[in-house]
């Protein structure tokens, strides 16, 4: 009989809040024209889902409202169309 292992819990310093909202990605200082979905967010970062094949590179800016204030971020991990990002600067 196989023993079931308990799932590992990731201990984060920041509380993440689940969100199901749109955001807009800006690449290389251009217009915020790449839409994404925010799965969760904290003061330090977020988990987002890209719609379509958008090549983000290692850093980009994200706005949580159209034409709103942008936050610079860095990609921490990628899994398919999901990205884990941390806010920088």
C-alpha atoms as a PDB file:
ATOM      1  CA  UNK A   1       0.000   0.000   0.000  1.00  0.00           C
ATOM      2  CA  UNK A   2       1.380   3.410  -1.005  1.00  0.00           C
ATOM      3  CA  UNK A   3       1.559   6.050   1.631  1.00  0.00           C
ATOM      4  CA  UNK A   4       0.184   9.404   0.651  1.00  0.00           C
ATOM      5  CA  UNK A   5       2.610  12.212   1.210  1.00  0.00           C
ATOM      6  CA  UNK A   6       1.248  15.492   2.504  1.00  0.00           C
ATOM      7  CA  UNK A   7       1.512  18.349   0.019  1.00  0.00           C
ATOM      8  CA  UNK A   8       4.299  20.776   0.691  1.00  0.00           C
ATOM      9  CA  UNK A   9       3.132  24.224   1.619  1.00  0.00           C
ATOM     10  CA  UNK A  10       5.073  27.154   0.296  1.00  0.00           C
ATOM     11  CA  UNK A  11       5.709  29.656   3.038  1.00  0.00           C
ATOM     12  CA  UNK A  12       5.556  33.127   1.556  1.00  0.00           C
ATOM     13  CA  UNK A  13       6.498  36.313   3.306  1.00  0.00           C
ATOM     14  CA  UNK A  14       3.658  38.222   1.651  1.00  0.00           C
ATOM     15  CA  UNK A  15      -0.015  37.290   1.735  1.00  0.00           C
ATOM     16  CA  UNK A  16      -1.330  36.571  -1.763  1.00  0.00           C
ATOM     17  CA  UNK A  17      -4.896  37.511  -2.587  1.00  0.00           C
ATOM     18  CA  UNK A  18      -6.793  35.698  -5.268  1.00  0.00           C
ATOM     19  CA  UNK A  19      -7.880  37.899  -8.138  1.00  0.00           C
ATOM     20  CA  UNK A  20      -9.636  37.183 -11.364  1.00  0.00           C
ATOM     21  CA  UNK A  21      -9.097  40.436 -13.169  1.00  0.00           C
ATOM     22  CA  UNK A  22      -7.505  41.669 -16.357  1.00  0.00           C
ATOM     23  CA  UNK A  23      -4.212  43.531 -16.526  1.00  0.00           C
ATOM     24  CA  UNK A  24      -2.141  44.916 -19.385  1.00  0.00           C
ATOM     25  CA  UNK A  25       1.508  44.209 -20.144  1.00  0.00           C
ATOM     26  CA  UNK A  26       3.837  46.768 -21.701  1.00  0.00           C
ATOM     27  CA  UNK A  27       6.929  45.499 -23.505  1.00  0.00           C
ATOM     28  CA  UNK A  28       9.975  47.716 -24.159  1.00  0.00           C
ATOM     29  CA  UNK A  29       8.231  50.957 -23.199  1.00  0.00           C
ATOM     30  CA  UNK A  30       5.526  50.550 -25.865  1.00  0.00           C
ATOM     31  CA  UNK A  31       1.763  50.738 -25.403  1.00  0.00           C
ATOM     32  CA  UNK A  32       0.017  48.463 -22.887  1.00  0.00           C
ATOM     33  CA  UNK A  33      -1.502  46.233 -25.543  1.00  0.00           C
ATOM     34  CA  UNK A  34      -0.953  42.688 -24.255  1.00  0.00           C
ATOM     35  CA  UNK A  35      -3.825  41.595 -22.047  1.00  0.00           C
ATOM     36  CA  UNK A  36      -3.333  39.039 -19.262  1.00  0.00           C
ATOM     37  CA  UNK A  37      -5.354  37.633 -16.369  1.00  0.00           C
ATOM     38  CA  UNK A  38      -4.214  38.063 -12.766  1.00  0.00           C
ATOM     39  CA  UNK A  39      -4.717  34.898 -10.697  1.00  0.00           C
ATOM     40  CA  UNK A  40      -3.322  36.270  -7.429  1.00  0.00           C
ATOM     41  CA  UNK A  41      -1.350  39.264  -6.252  1.00  0.00           C
ATOM     42  CA  UNK A  42       0.636  40.439  -3.227  1.00  0.00           C
ATOM     43  CA  UNK A  43       2.689  43.519  -2.449  1.00  0.00           C
ATOM     44  CA  UNK A  44       5.776  41.708  -3.759  1.00  0.00           C
ATOM     45  CA  UNK A  45       4.457  40.022  -6.924  1.00  0.00           C
ATOM     46  CA  UNK A  46       1.713  38.193  -8.777  1.00  0.00           C
ATOM     47  CA  UNK A  47       0.761  35.113 -10.748  1.00  0.00           C
ATOM     48  CA  UNK A  48      -0.542  35.942 -14.211  1.00  0.00           C
ATOM     49  CA  UNK A  49      -1.843  34.044 -17.206  1.00  0.00           C
ATOM     50  CA  UNK A  50      -1.056  35.262 -20.709  1.00  0.00           C
ATOM     51  CA  UNK A  51      -3.673  35.014 -23.414  1.00  0.00           C
ATOM     52  CA  UNK A  52      -1.907  33.796 -26.528  1.00  0.00           C
ATOM     53  CA  UNK A  53       1.770  33.555 -27.228  1.00  0.00           C
ATOM     54  CA  UNK A  54       3.327  36.755 -25.896  1.00  0.00           C
ATOM     55  CA  UNK A  55       7.113  36.667 -25.578  1.00  0.00           C
ATOM     56  CA  UNK A  56       7.740  38.775 -22.475  1.00  0.00           C
ATOM     57  CA  UNK A  57      11.443  38.292 -21.919  1.00  0.00           C
ATOM     58  CA  UNK A  58      12.768  38.636 -18.383  1.00  0.00           C
ATOM     59  CA  UNK A  59      11.279  42.027 -17.501  1.00  0.00           C
ATOM     60  CA  UNK A  60       8.262  44.092 -18.475  1.00  0.00           C
ATOM     61  CA  UNK A  61       5.740  46.515 -17.000  1.00  0.00           C
ATOM     62  CA  UNK A  62       2.205  45.693 -15.923  1.00  0.00           C
ATOM     63  CA  UNK A  63      -0.820  47.947 -15.366  1.00  0.00           C
ATOM     64  CA  UNK A  64      -3.844  46.776 -13.414  1.00  0.00           C
ATOM     65  CA  UNK A  65      -6.164  49.279 -15.101  1.00  0.00           C
ATOM     66  CA  UNK A  66      -6.043  50.397 -18.764  1.00  0.00           C
ATOM     67  CA  UNK A  67      -3.687  53.344 -19.178  1.00  0.00           C
ATOM     68  CA  UNK A  68      -3.066  53.253 -15.431  1.00  0.00           C
ATOM     69  CA  UNK A  69       0.153  53.429 -13.463  1.00  0.00           C
ATOM     70  CA  UNK A  70       2.612  50.745 -14.523  1.00  0.00           C
ATOM     71  CA  UNK A  71       4.718  48.588 -12.248  1.00  0.00           C
ATOM     72  CA  UNK A  72       8.024  47.193 -13.426  1.00  0.00           C
ATOM     73  CA  UNK A  73       8.326  43.446 -12.860  1.00  0.00           C
ATOM     74  CA  UNK A  74      10.625  40.506 -13.401  1.00  0.00           C
ATOM     75  CA  UNK A  75       9.688  36.950 -14.343  1.00  0.00           C
ATOM     76  CA  UNK A  76      10.515  34.501 -11.531  1.00  0.00           C
ATOM     77  CA  UNK A  77       9.025  31.322 -13.051  1.00  0.00           C
ATOM     78  CA  UNK A  78       7.141  30.129 -16.144  1.00  0.00           C
ATOM     79  CA  UNK A  79       4.794  27.175 -16.610  1.00  0.00           C
ATOM     80  CA  UNK A  80       3.144  27.210 -20.011  1.00  0.00           C
ATOM     81  CA  UNK A  81       1.158  30.430 -20.257  1.00  0.00           C
ATOM     82  CA  UNK A  82       1.399  31.084 -16.474  1.00  0.00           C
ATOM     83  CA  UNK A  83       4.056  33.429 -15.081  1.00  0.00           C
ATOM     84  CA  UNK A  84       5.155  34.197 -11.556  1.00  0.00           C
ATOM     85  CA  UNK A  85       6.381  37.784 -11.369  1.00  0.00           C
ATOM     86  CA  UNK A  86       7.962  39.942  -8.705  1.00  0.00           C
ATOM     87  CA  UNK A  87       7.636  43.698  -8.630  1.00  0.00           C
ATOM     88  CA  UNK A  88      10.881  45.625  -8.916  1.00  0.00           C
ATOM     89  CA  UNK A  89      11.512  49.321  -8.444  1.00  0.00           C
END
